[in-house]
Amino acid sequence: MMESLGLPVPGETSLIAGSIYSALHPHFRISIVISSAIIGSVIGDNLGYIIGSTAGIKFLQRKPSEKNFIKRVMIYTNNYFKKYGMKTILFGKFITILRLFIPISAGIHKLNRIKFIIYDAIGAIVWAVFYGVLSYLLGQNIPLLLKVLNGLTILIIVIIITTIIVIRYRIIIHERNK
């Protein structure tokens, strides 16, 4: 929720951690984790939209020295939202930096509020289910993952030692041939 207000709070990290924890502790239900992520995302995005629509322009124009820059950015983002607005809201959930600024920008540019809510809710559902289920499945397979990582660690160590031996052997051969 705080992430959608433009604050860099790790909503995605919390969703992933909660989903993995849910897989490891069955009393902690995945449906609650995903539902909480959806609700937090939608509430936060709507608060961000409200902040953007009520105070966004005033906040951006507080420094007269940056007025021309802000004007250019506003023209660019306004054209962008006209062309890709609802797609950005829907798919922007999957790109962290966009997820931080889309709701506030949508509010600043006064995107259709009903469309914003609908696309934002759909995006939140897809985002939370996607990351929640994948993380849950990862959590269920942590013992297997640890076995694979242990095997890879041993393989990497063998490759490193072999590489060091081969390089050292070539150096010795090269020095003898001088």
Protein backbone atom coordinates (compact mmCIF):
# COMPACT_ATOMS: atom_id res chain seq x y z
CA MET A 1 0.00 0.00 0.00
CA MET A 2 2.76 2.46 0.92
CA GLU A 3 4.55 1.58 -2.30
CA SER A 4 1.64 2.94 -4.33
CA LEU A 5 1.93 6.27 -2.53
CA GLY A 6 5.34 6.76 -4.10
CA LEU A 7 7.26 5.45 -1.08
CA PRO A 8 9.80 2.74 -1.86
CA VAL A 9 8.34 0.13 0.48
CA PRO A 10 8.93 -3.44 -0.72
CA GLY A 11 5.38 -4.64 -1.43
CA GLU A 12 6.60 -7.28 -3.86
CA THR A 13 9.24 -8.49 -1.41
CA SER A 14 6.61 -8.78 1.33
CA LEU A 15 4.31 -10.74 -1.00
CA ILE A 16 7.10 -13.13 -1.97
CA ALA A 17 8.29 -13.59 1.63
CA GLY A 18 4.73 -14.12 2.88
CA SER A 19 4.01 -16.66 0.14
CA ILE A 20 7.18 -18.65 0.83
CA TYR A 21 6.43 -18.53 4.56
CA SER A 22 2.90 -19.77 3.82
CA ALA A 23 4.29 -22.75 1.91
CA LEU A 24 6.53 -23.66 4.84
CA HIS A 25 3.87 -23.08 7.53
CA PRO A 26 0.44 -24.42 6.42
CA HIS A 27 -1.45 -22.54 9.17
CA PHE A 28 -0.42 -19.31 7.40
CA ARG A 29 -2.79 -19.45 4.42
CA ILE A 30 -1.66 -18.37 0.95
CA SER A 31 -5.15 -17.08 0.15
CA ILE A 32 -4.81 -14.54 2.96
CA VAL A 33 -1.36 -13.46 1.76
CA ILE A 34 -2.57 -12.94 -1.82
CA SER A 35 -5.82 -11.25 -0.73
CA SER A 36 -3.89 -8.89 1.54
CA ALA A 37 -1.54 -7.99 -1.30
CA ILE A 38 -4.46 -7.26 -3.62
CA ILE A 39 -6.30 -5.15 -1.05
CA GLY A 40 -3.15 -3.25 -0.03
CA SER A 41 -2.24 -2.60 -3.65
CA VAL A 42 -5.69 -1.32 -4.63
CA ILE A 43 -6.07 0.87 -1.53
CA GLY A 44 -2.56 2.28 -1.91
CA ASP A 45 -3.01 2.95 -5.62
CA ASN A 46 -6.30 4.75 -5.04
CA LEU A 47 -4.74 6.87 -2.30
CA GLY A 48 -1.90 7.64 -4.70
CA TYR A 49 -4.43 8.61 -7.38
CA ILE A 50 -6.20 10.93 -4.93
CA ILE A 51 -2.92 12.53 -3.86
CA GLY A 52 -1.93 13.00 -7.50
CA SER A 53 -5.28 14.49 -8.48
CA THR A 54 -5.48 16.87 -5.51
CA ALA A 55 -1.90 17.91 -4.72
CA GLY A 56 0.29 16.49 -7.49
CA ILE A 57 0.56 19.59 -9.70
CA LYS A 58 1.05 21.91 -6.71
CA PHE A 59 3.80 19.67 -5.39
CA LEU A 60 5.56 19.51 -8.77
CA GLN A 61 5.38 23.27 -9.30
CA ARG A 62 6.76 24.28 -5.90
CA LYS A 63 10.13 25.34 -7.36
CA PRO A 64 9.82 28.04 -10.03
CA SER A 65 13.31 27.22 -11.35
CA GLU A 66 12.09 23.77 -12.45
CA LYS A 67 8.91 25.02 -14.13
CA ASN A 68 10.08 24.40 -17.73
CA PHE A 69 11.35 20.92 -16.91
CA ILE A 70 8.09 20.03 -15.14
CA LYS A 71 6.11 21.38 -18.07
CA ARG A 72 8.02 19.16 -20.54
CA VAL A 73 7.61 16.12 -18.29
CA MET A 74 3.88 16.83 -17.91
CA ILE A 75 3.40 17.09 -21.69
CA TYR A 76 5.30 13.85 -22.25
CA THR A 77 3.51 11.89 -19.53
CA ASN A 78 0.14 13.28 -20.57
CA ASN A 79 0.69 12.08 -24.16
CA TYR A 80 1.97 8.76 -22.85
CA PHE A 81 -1.11 8.25 -20.67
CA LYS A 82 -3.40 9.18 -23.56
CA LYS A 83 -1.77 6.50 -25.70
CA TYR A 84 -0.98 3.75 -23.16
CA GLY A 85 -2.75 4.79 -19.96
CA MET A 86 -4.82 1.74 -19.08
CA LYS A 87 -2.18 -0.72 -20.35
CA THR A 88 0.37 1.04 -18.17
CA ILE A 89 -1.87 0.74 -15.13
CA LEU A 90 -2.51 -2.94 -15.85
CA PHE A 91 1.04 -4.07 -16.65
CA GLY A 92 2.92 -1.46 -14.63
CA LYS A 93 2.44 -3.57 -11.51
CA PHE A 94 5.17 -5.88 -12.76
CA ILE A 95 7.80 -3.12 -13.02
CA THR A 96 8.79 -1.85 -9.59
CA ILE A 97 9.71 1.72 -10.47
CA LEU A 98 6.51 2.16 -12.50
CA ARG A 99 4.44 0.70 -9.68
CA LEU A 100 5.69 3.53 -7.46
CA PHE A 101 4.66 6.40 -9.73
CA ILE A 102 1.76 5.25 -11.91
CA PRO A 103 -1.07 5.96 -9.42
CA ILE A 104 0.16 9.47 -8.62
CA SER A 105 0.77 10.24 -12.31
CA ALA A 106 -2.67 8.88 -13.23
CA GLY A 107 -4.18 11.21 -10.64
CA ILE A 108 -2.19 14.19 -11.85
CA HIS A 109 -3.37 13.58 -15.41
CA LYS A 110 -6.95 12.97 -14.25
CA LEU A 111 -7.34 9.59 -15.95
CA ASN A 112 -10.90 8.32 -15.87
CA ARG A 113 -11.36 7.31 -12.23
CA ILE A 114 -13.67 4.32 -12.86
CA LYS A 115 -11.37 2.93 -15.56
CA PHE A 116 -8.39 3.49 -13.27
CA ILE A 117 -10.05 1.52 -10.46
CA ILE A 118 -11.04 -1.35 -12.78
CA TYR A 119 -7.66 -1.68 -14.50
CA ASP A 120 -5.82 -1.21 -11.23
CA ALA A 121 -7.86 -3.95 -9.54
CA ILE A 122 -7.30 -6.34 -12.46
CA GLY A 123 -3.58 -5.55 -12.43
CA ALA A 124 -3.40 -6.05 -8.65
CA ILE A 125 -5.14 -9.43 -8.90
CA VAL A 126 -2.89 -10.66 -11.71
CA TRP A 127 0.25 -9.31 -9.98
CA ALA A 128 -0.56 -10.77 -6.54
CA VAL A 129 -1.69 -14.16 -7.86
CA PHE A 130 1.32 -14.45 -10.19
CA TYR A 131 3.97 -13.60 -7.58
CA GLY A 132 2.07 -15.23 -4.74
CA VAL A 133 1.58 -18.60 -6.45
CA LEU A 134 5.10 -18.73 -7.91
CA SER A 135 6.61 -17.88 -4.53
CA TYR A 136 4.38 -20.41 -2.80
CA LEU A 137 5.53 -23.11 -5.23
CA LEU A 138 9.13 -22.08 -4.63
CA GLY A 139 8.53 -22.36 -0.89
CA GLN A 140 7.10 -25.85 -1.28
CA ASN A 141 10.21 -26.91 -3.17
CA ILE A 142 12.87 -25.36 -0.96
CA PRO A 143 14.32 -28.77 0.10
CA LEU A 144 14.72 -29.69 -3.58
CA LEU A 145 16.12 -26.25 -4.36
CA LEU A 146 18.68 -26.60 -1.55
CA LYS A 147 19.78 -30.00 -2.89
CA VAL A 148 20.20 -28.53 -6.38
CA LEU A 149 22.11 -25.53 -5.01
CA ASN A 150 24.36 -27.81 -2.94
CA GLY A 151 25.08 -29.86 -6.07
CA LEU A 152 25.77 -26.69 -8.05
CA THR A 153 28.04 -25.38 -5.31
CA ILE A 154 30.11 -28.57 -5.41
CA LEU A 155 30.22 -28.42 -9.22
CA ILE A 156 31.34 -24.79 -9.17
CA ILE A 157 34.07 -25.55 -6.64
CA VAL A 158 35.32 -28.45 -8.81
CA ILE A 159 35.32 -26.19 -11.91
CA ILE A 160 37.24 -23.46 -10.05
CA ILE A 161 39.86 -25.90 -8.70
CA THR A 162 40.24 -27.53 -12.13
CA THR A 163 40.63 -24.13 -13.78
CA ILE A 164 43.29 -23.10 -11.25
CA ILE A 165 45.20 -26.36 -11.81
CA VAL A 166 45.06 -26.01 -15.62
CA ILE A 167 46.18 -22.37 -15.50
CA ARG A 168 48.99 -23.18 -13.07
CA TYR A 169 50.09 -26.12 -15.27
CA ARG A 170 50.17 -23.88 -18.37
CA ILE A 171 52.21 -21.25 -16.51
CA ILE A 172 54.75 -23.90 -15.46
CA ILE A 173 54.98 -25.28 -19.03
CA HIS A 174 55.34 -21.76 -20.45
CA GLU A 175 58.15 -20.91 -17.96
CA ARG A 176 60.05 -24.14 -18.81
CA ASN A 177 59.90 -23.37 -22.54
CA LYS A 178 61.52 -19.93 -22.14
